[in-house]
Protein backbone atom coordinates (compact mmCIF):
# COMPACT_ATOMS: atom_id res chain seq x y z
CA MET A 1 152.63 115.80 140.12
CA ARG A 2 154.28 117.77 142.86
CA LYS A 3 155.90 121.09 142.09
CA PHE A 4 159.49 121.73 142.92
CA PRO A 5 160.96 123.65 145.86
CA ARG A 6 162.31 127.09 145.25
CA THR A 7 165.80 125.66 145.08
CA ALA A 8 165.00 123.62 141.98
CA LEU A 9 167.39 123.94 139.09
CA ALA A 10 165.93 125.94 136.20
CA LEU A 11 166.84 124.10 133.05
CA VAL A 12 165.23 126.10 130.34
CA ALA A 13 165.48 129.79 129.55
CA VAL A 14 162.46 132.05 129.92
CA ALA A 15 162.16 132.11 126.14
CA VAL A 16 161.41 128.40 126.11
CA ALA A 17 157.67 128.06 126.17
CA ALA A 18 157.41 124.54 127.50
CA SER A 19 159.96 123.44 130.05
CA VAL A 20 160.74 120.96 132.75
CA ALA A 21 162.12 121.50 136.21
CA VAL A 22 163.50 118.91 138.52
CA THR A 23 165.39 119.20 141.75
CA ALA A 24 169.10 118.91 141.25
CA THR A 25 171.94 117.84 143.44
CA SER A 26 175.60 118.55 143.42
CA ALA A 27 177.72 115.47 142.94
CA SER A 28 181.24 114.60 141.99
CA THR A 29 181.83 114.07 138.29
CA LYS A 30 181.82 110.49 137.12
CA LYS A 31 183.24 109.30 133.84
CA ALA A 32 181.53 106.97 131.41
CA SER A 33 182.10 103.39 132.43
CA ALA A 34 181.15 99.80 131.70
CA THR A 35 178.69 99.96 134.60
CA ALA A 36 176.84 103.04 133.42
CA GLU A 37 173.64 104.04 135.20
CA VAL A 38 172.34 105.83 132.10
CA CYS A 39 172.72 104.58 128.55
CA VAL A 40 172.14 106.86 125.55
CA LEU A 41 171.24 105.14 122.29
CA LEU A 42 171.86 107.46 119.32
CA PRO A 43 170.47 106.44 115.90
CA ASP A 44 173.12 107.20 113.27
CA SER A 45 175.52 109.82 111.98
CA LYS A 46 174.06 110.16 108.46
CA SER A 47 170.52 111.46 108.93
CA SER A 48 171.93 114.54 110.65
CA VAL A 49 175.38 115.53 111.88
CA ARG A 50 173.78 116.76 115.12
CA TRP A 51 173.84 113.36 116.84
CA GLU A 52 177.62 113.21 116.97
CA THR A 53 178.59 116.89 116.81
CA GLN A 54 176.00 118.24 119.24
CA ASP A 55 173.95 115.71 121.24
CA ARG A 56 176.88 113.53 122.26
CA ARG A 57 178.95 116.36 123.72
CA PHE A 58 176.07 118.11 125.47
CA LEU A 59 174.70 114.91 126.97
CA ALA A 60 178.15 113.89 128.19
CA ALA A 61 178.67 117.29 129.81
CA ALA A 62 175.25 117.15 131.46
CA PHE A 63 175.79 113.71 132.99
CA GLN A 64 179.25 114.68 134.20
CA ARG A 65 177.82 117.76 135.86
CA LEU A 66 175.08 115.70 137.53
CA GLY A 67 177.54 113.05 138.62
CA ASP A 68 175.75 110.15 136.92
CA SER A 69 177.76 107.42 135.20
CA TYR A 70 176.76 107.05 131.55
CA SER A 71 177.54 105.55 128.19
CA ILE A 72 176.70 106.95 124.76
CA VAL A 73 176.62 104.65 121.74
CA ASN A 74 175.50 105.04 118.13
CA ALA A 75 173.70 102.36 116.13
CA GLU A 76 174.80 103.84 112.78
CA GLY A 77 171.44 103.18 111.22
CA SER A 78 171.06 99.54 112.26
CA ALA A 79 168.01 98.59 114.36
CA SER A 80 169.58 95.23 115.26
CA THR A 81 172.73 97.00 116.41
CA GLN A 82 170.68 99.35 118.56
CA LEU A 83 168.89 96.42 120.18
CA ASN A 84 172.23 94.75 120.89
CA GLN A 85 173.54 97.99 122.37
CA ALA A 86 170.48 98.20 124.62
CA GLN A 87 171.00 94.62 125.76
CA GLN A 88 174.64 95.35 126.57
CA CYS A 89 173.71 98.50 128.47
CA LEU A 90 171.20 96.61 130.57
CA THR A 91 173.72 93.85 131.22
CA ASN A 92 176.13 96.53 132.38
CA GLY A 93 173.62 97.82 134.92
CA ALA A 94 171.82 100.68 133.15
CA LYS A 95 168.74 101.84 135.05
CA VAL A 96 167.69 104.48 132.52
CA ILE A 97 167.91 104.38 128.73
CA LEU A 98 167.70 107.56 126.66
CA LEU A 99 166.49 106.32 123.30
CA VAL A 100 166.51 107.93 119.87
CA ASN A 101 164.76 105.17 117.96
CA LEU A 102 165.42 104.23 114.36
CA ASP A 103 161.75 103.29 113.99
CA SER A 104 158.91 102.84 116.43
CA GLY A 105 158.77 99.07 116.07
CA SER A 106 162.38 98.47 117.09
CA GLY A 107 162.15 101.26 119.64
CA ALA A 108 159.13 99.66 121.32
CA ALA A 109 161.02 96.35 121.49
CA ILE A 110 163.93 98.06 123.26
CA GLU A 111 161.56 99.72 125.71
CA LYS A 112 159.82 96.41 126.43
CA LEU A 113 163.20 94.79 127.06
CA ALA A 114 164.26 97.61 129.40
CA LYS A 115 161.01 97.36 131.34
CA SER A 116 161.48 93.60 131.77
CA LYS A 117 164.89 94.30 133.30
CA GLY A 118 163.55 96.89 135.72
CA ALA A 119 164.93 99.88 133.79
CA GLN A 120 163.03 102.95 132.59
CA THR A 121 163.22 104.60 129.17
CA VAL A 122 163.12 108.23 128.12
CA ASP A 123 162.25 108.89 124.48
CA TYR A 124 164.82 111.48 123.42
CA ASP A 125 163.90 113.71 120.47
CA ARG A 126 161.78 111.01 118.77
CA LEU A 127 158.61 109.58 120.25
CA THR A 128 158.30 105.79 120.12
CA LEU A 129 154.78 105.00 118.97
CA LYS A 130 153.01 102.43 121.16
CA GLY A 131 156.08 102.21 123.34
CA SER A 132 156.50 102.23 127.10
CA ALA A 133 158.77 105.23 127.76
CA SER A 134 158.37 106.93 131.12
CA TYR A 135 158.99 110.37 129.59
CA TYR A 136 159.44 112.06 126.24
CA VAL A 137 161.85 114.99 125.84
CA SER A 138 161.85 116.84 122.53
CA PHE A 139 160.92 120.05 120.79
CA ASP A 140 157.42 120.96 119.70
CA ASN A 141 157.88 119.30 116.32
CA VAL A 142 154.64 120.55 114.81
CA SER A 143 155.89 124.05 115.59
CA VAL A 144 159.18 123.19 113.85
CA GLY A 145 157.22 122.39 110.70
CA LYS A 146 155.14 125.54 111.00
CA LEU A 147 158.32 127.62 111.16
CA GLN A 148 159.53 125.89 108.00
CA GLY A 149 156.27 126.47 106.16
CA GLN A 150 156.04 130.11 107.19
CA GLY A 151 159.72 130.62 106.45
CA LEU A 152 159.19 129.37 102.90
CA ILE A 153 156.21 131.70 102.45
CA ASN A 154 158.25 134.63 103.78
CA CYS A 155 161.10 133.99 101.36
CA LEU A 156 158.78 133.58 98.38
CA THR A 157 157.05 136.82 99.35
CA SER A 158 160.23 138.85 99.84
CA SER A 159 161.62 137.69 96.48
CA GLY A 160 158.35 138.42 94.69
CA ALA A 161 158.14 134.82 93.47
CA ILE A 162 154.85 134.25 95.25
CA LYS A 163 153.11 136.52 92.74
CA LYS A 164 153.82 133.95 90.01
CA LYS A 165 152.04 131.05 91.75
CA PRO A 166 155.28 129.10 92.33
CA VAL A 167 155.48 125.31 92.24
CA ILE A 168 156.62 123.86 95.57
CA ALA A 169 158.37 120.50 95.87
CA THR A 170 158.47 118.68 99.21
CA LEU A 171 161.20 116.46 100.64
CA ASN A 172 159.75 114.87 103.77
CA GLY A 173 161.82 113.03 106.34
CA SER A 174 161.87 109.30 106.91
CA PRO A 175 158.44 107.64 106.82
CA THR A 176 159.45 105.54 109.87
CA ASP A 177 160.26 108.60 112.00
CA ASN A 178 157.28 110.02 113.89
CA ASN A 179 159.06 113.38 114.03
CA ALA A 180 158.96 113.55 110.23
CA THR A 181 155.20 113.08 110.41
CA LEU A 182 154.92 115.94 112.89
CA PHE A 183 157.18 118.24 110.84
CA ALA A 184 155.01 117.57 107.78
CA GLN A 185 151.88 118.22 109.79
CA GLY A 186 153.33 121.60 110.68
CA TYR A 187 154.49 122.82 107.28
CA ASN A 188 151.47 121.37 105.48
CA SER A 189 149.19 123.32 107.84
CA ILE A 190 150.82 126.47 106.43
CA LEU A 191 151.20 125.42 102.80
CA ASN A 192 147.95 123.52 102.12
CA PRO A 193 145.71 126.60 102.44
CA LYS A 194 147.99 128.35 99.92
CA TYR A 195 147.63 125.43 97.51
CA LYS A 196 143.88 125.46 97.99
CA ASN A 197 143.46 129.17 97.25
CA GLY A 198 145.86 129.07 94.30
CA THR A 199 148.63 131.17 95.83
CA LEU A 200 151.00 128.21 95.44
CA LYS A 201 151.01 125.14 93.21
CA LYS A 202 151.72 121.78 94.82
CA GLY A 203 154.57 120.00 93.11
CA PRO A 204 156.23 116.61 93.72
CA ASP A 205 155.99 115.40 97.30
CA GLN A 206 158.09 112.48 98.51
CA SER A 207 159.50 111.04 101.74
CA VAL A 208 163.19 110.21 102.00
CA PRO A 209 163.91 106.75 103.48
CA ALA A 210 166.05 106.92 106.63
CA TRP A 211 166.67 110.65 106.02
CA ASP A 212 169.35 109.47 103.54
CA ASN A 213 170.85 112.56 101.90
CA GLN A 214 172.15 110.65 98.88
CA LYS A 215 168.69 109.23 98.26
CA ALA A 216 167.28 112.73 98.68
CA LEU A 217 169.64 113.95 95.94
CA THR A 218 168.43 111.24 93.58
CA ILE A 219 164.80 111.92 94.49
CA PHE A 220 165.10 115.65 93.88
CA GLN A 221 166.93 115.16 90.61
CA GLY A 222 163.95 113.05 89.57
CA MET A 223 161.61 115.84 90.65
CA LEU A 224 163.47 118.31 88.44
CA THR A 225 163.27 115.91 85.50
CA GLN A 226 159.59 115.23 86.14
CA THR A 227 158.72 118.95 86.18
CA LYS A 228 161.25 120.01 83.52
CA ASN A 229 162.94 122.13 86.20
CA ASN A 230 159.66 123.87 87.00
CA ILE A 231 160.16 124.12 90.76
CA GLN A 232 160.36 127.48 92.52
CA GLY A 233 160.54 126.43 96.16
CA VAL A 234 161.41 123.41 98.29
CA ALA A 235 159.95 122.40 101.64
CA ALA A 236 162.83 120.27 102.89
CA ALA A 237 162.47 118.70 106.32
CA ASN A 238 166.07 119.25 107.45
CA ASP A 239 169.34 120.82 106.36
CA GLY A 240 170.68 117.57 104.94
CA LEU A 241 167.69 117.13 102.65
CA GLY A 242 167.78 120.82 101.81
CA ASN A 243 171.44 120.58 100.84
CA ALA A 244 170.63 117.59 98.62
CA ALA A 245 168.11 119.74 96.75
CA ILE A 246 170.63 122.57 96.52
CA SER A 247 173.28 120.19 95.15
CA ALA A 248 170.82 119.04 92.48
CA LEU A 249 169.99 122.64 91.57
CA LYS A 250 173.66 123.51 91.24
CA SER A 251 174.41 120.42 89.16
CA ALA A 252 171.58 121.34 86.80
CA GLY A 253 172.97 124.87 86.42
CA LEU A 254 169.84 126.40 87.97
CA LYS A 255 169.59 129.54 90.06
CA PRO A 256 168.87 129.56 93.83
CA ILE A 257 165.28 129.11 94.95
CA PRO A 258 163.90 129.18 98.52
CA VAL A 259 164.76 125.93 100.32
CA THR A 260 163.92 125.23 103.96
CA GLY A 261 165.87 123.23 106.52
CA GLN A 262 166.26 122.27 110.15
CA ASP A 263 168.98 121.54 112.72
CA ALA A 264 170.95 124.77 112.15
CA THR A 265 173.97 122.88 110.83
CA ALA A 266 177.08 124.78 109.76
CA GLN A 267 176.40 123.70 106.18
CA GLY A 268 172.81 124.89 106.42
CA VAL A 269 173.90 128.31 107.68
CA GLN A 270 176.51 128.53 104.93
CA ASN A 271 173.78 127.86 102.39
CA ILE A 272 171.64 130.56 103.97
CA LEU A 273 174.44 133.14 103.91
CA SER A 274 175.32 132.33 100.30
CA GLY A 275 171.69 132.66 99.21
CA TRP A 276 170.96 129.01 98.46
CA GLN A 277 168.81 128.23 101.49
CA CYS A 278 165.91 130.22 102.84
CA MET A 279 166.01 129.32 106.54
CA THR A 280 166.71 126.62 109.07
CA VAL A 281 165.27 125.77 112.47
CA TYR A 282 167.41 126.04 115.58
CA LYS A 283 166.64 123.63 118.36
CA SER A 284 168.85 124.31 121.35
CA ILE A 285 170.30 120.83 121.73
CA LYS A 286 172.15 121.91 124.85
CA THR A 287 168.82 122.73 126.47
CA GLN A 288 167.35 119.47 125.23
CA ALA A 289 170.33 117.44 126.45
CA ASP A 290 170.38 119.21 129.84
CA THR A 291 166.66 118.60 130.25
CA ALA A 292 166.80 114.92 129.27
CA ALA A 293 169.83 114.27 131.48
CA THR A 294 168.12 115.86 134.45
CA VAL A 295 164.95 113.82 133.83
CA ALA A 296 167.14 110.69 133.78
CA ASP A 297 168.84 111.84 136.97
CA GLY A 298 165.44 112.40 138.57
CA ILE A 299 164.41 108.85 137.69
CA LEU A 300 167.68 107.44 139.07
CA HIS A 301 167.49 109.25 142.38
CA GLY A 302 163.74 109.43 142.94
CA LYS A 303 163.49 113.19 142.49
CA PRO A 304 160.18 114.73 141.47
CA ILE A 305 159.86 115.51 137.76
CA ASN A 306 157.45 118.22 136.67
CA THR A 307 156.33 118.25 133.05
CA GLN A 308 153.81 121.01 133.73
CA GLY A 309 151.07 118.52 132.90
CA LYS A 310 152.08 118.14 129.25
CA THR A 311 151.63 114.81 127.51
CA VAL A 312 151.90 113.42 123.98
CA ASN A 313 149.87 110.43 122.85
CA ASP A 314 151.99 107.60 121.46
CA GLY A 315 149.05 105.76 119.94
CA LYS A 316 148.04 103.86 123.04
CA ARG A 317 148.67 106.18 126.00
CA ASN A 318 149.63 109.71 126.99
CA VAL A 319 153.35 110.01 127.69
CA PRO A 320 154.49 112.73 130.16
CA SER A 321 156.38 115.10 127.90
CA VAL A 322 158.69 118.09 127.79
CA LEU A 323 158.29 120.06 124.57
CA LEU A 324 160.81 122.84 124.02
CA LYS A 325 160.46 125.84 121.73
CA PRO A 326 162.26 125.97 118.33
CA VAL A 327 163.57 129.16 116.68
CA SER A 328 163.62 130.13 113.00
CA ILE A 329 167.08 131.12 111.72
CA THR A 330 167.63 133.36 108.69
CA LYS A 331 170.31 135.76 107.47
CA ASN A 332 168.97 138.25 109.98
CA ASN A 333 169.63 136.29 113.19
CA TRP A 334 172.13 133.51 112.38
CA LYS A 335 174.65 134.95 114.84
CA LEU A 336 172.37 133.72 117.64
CA LEU A 337 173.91 130.30 116.98
CA ILE A 338 177.34 131.76 117.76
CA SER A 339 176.33 133.68 120.87
CA ASP A 340 174.55 130.58 122.20
CA GLY A 341 177.70 128.52 121.75
CA PHE A 342 175.88 126.16 119.39
CA LEU A 343 178.30 126.79 116.53
CA LYS A 344 181.62 128.56 116.22
CA LYS A 345 182.08 131.34 113.72
CA SER A 346 185.01 129.38 112.33
CA ASP A 347 182.61 126.49 111.58
CA ILE A 348 180.67 128.74 109.22
CA CYS A 349 182.91 131.52 108.00
CA THR A 350 185.55 129.44 106.30
CA GLY A 351 186.78 128.99 102.74
CA GLU A 352 184.42 130.34 100.10
CA TYR A 353 181.89 131.31 102.80
CA ALA A 354 184.19 133.69 104.71
CA LYS A 355 183.20 136.55 102.42
CA TYR A 356 179.56 136.31 103.58
CA CYS A 357 180.44 136.88 107.24
């Protein structure tokens, strides 16, 4: 692919290891309309609060800045609803669909439909296996998992618990989400050698359907019962699942143990500050949204898009990809979320948590 002129808009900070650059243009702001050029299909509001609290606002701001008309809808966990939303978007003239699939099967069907209507698809955050997306914009999700695994090891080491060969329980994400597979690949690459050499003991390991936090609570309560409360650490794939484990621990009258997370939610940071969660993973959603919006804009207006040669295989082909760099968040650097404008201090330091700030 061609490289960009010197006037290209830099989308990603120097700290981001993998980035995309596309030429940008100044244009008057356009509001979302029934004849949107770009349609964003969000998955739900239960698996993570990020979709509505973060992605929606940053994507809207990015499209307004670029001057592209857009619509943003949420399927609220229903694959049939998401397909209907895609059909409506295409009927309304969408030329690009930014898709966060609910599962690869339904996602591939949406991408096939879009292609038949002359529209292109960008997989946003989640890769659609055996799909037909033109681009994939996400974070390096294996690296996310590695940060979680190493974060858990660090917390067990600093507390001294690692000397007692602690039992580690695992709450994986949805089995239908390829990202969950990549996260697990990452943290298992850190934890499995520790299980093998006897540093850690592998405890219950279960996936949580649809990232459902209530199901995660029930699952972890079962893990505690199964082990007679003999769990000293939890590899949880995101903050919601981590909080479910924490809720179960509190209900059982147990003390805090290291629990991982992801998404840098206000609740996750509160759990970190109060000593109930070990770490979370910050993915700059503003950077991700800006990048995806500019890729969509490049498709719309025929601008060159440079992925620096990166691709991810979706099971049948290599998809041109932009993989951004995640950051581990602990008690030591949580204020980065404030300085980046990702969260407000008032989101975190409120009520019973104010004393930790």
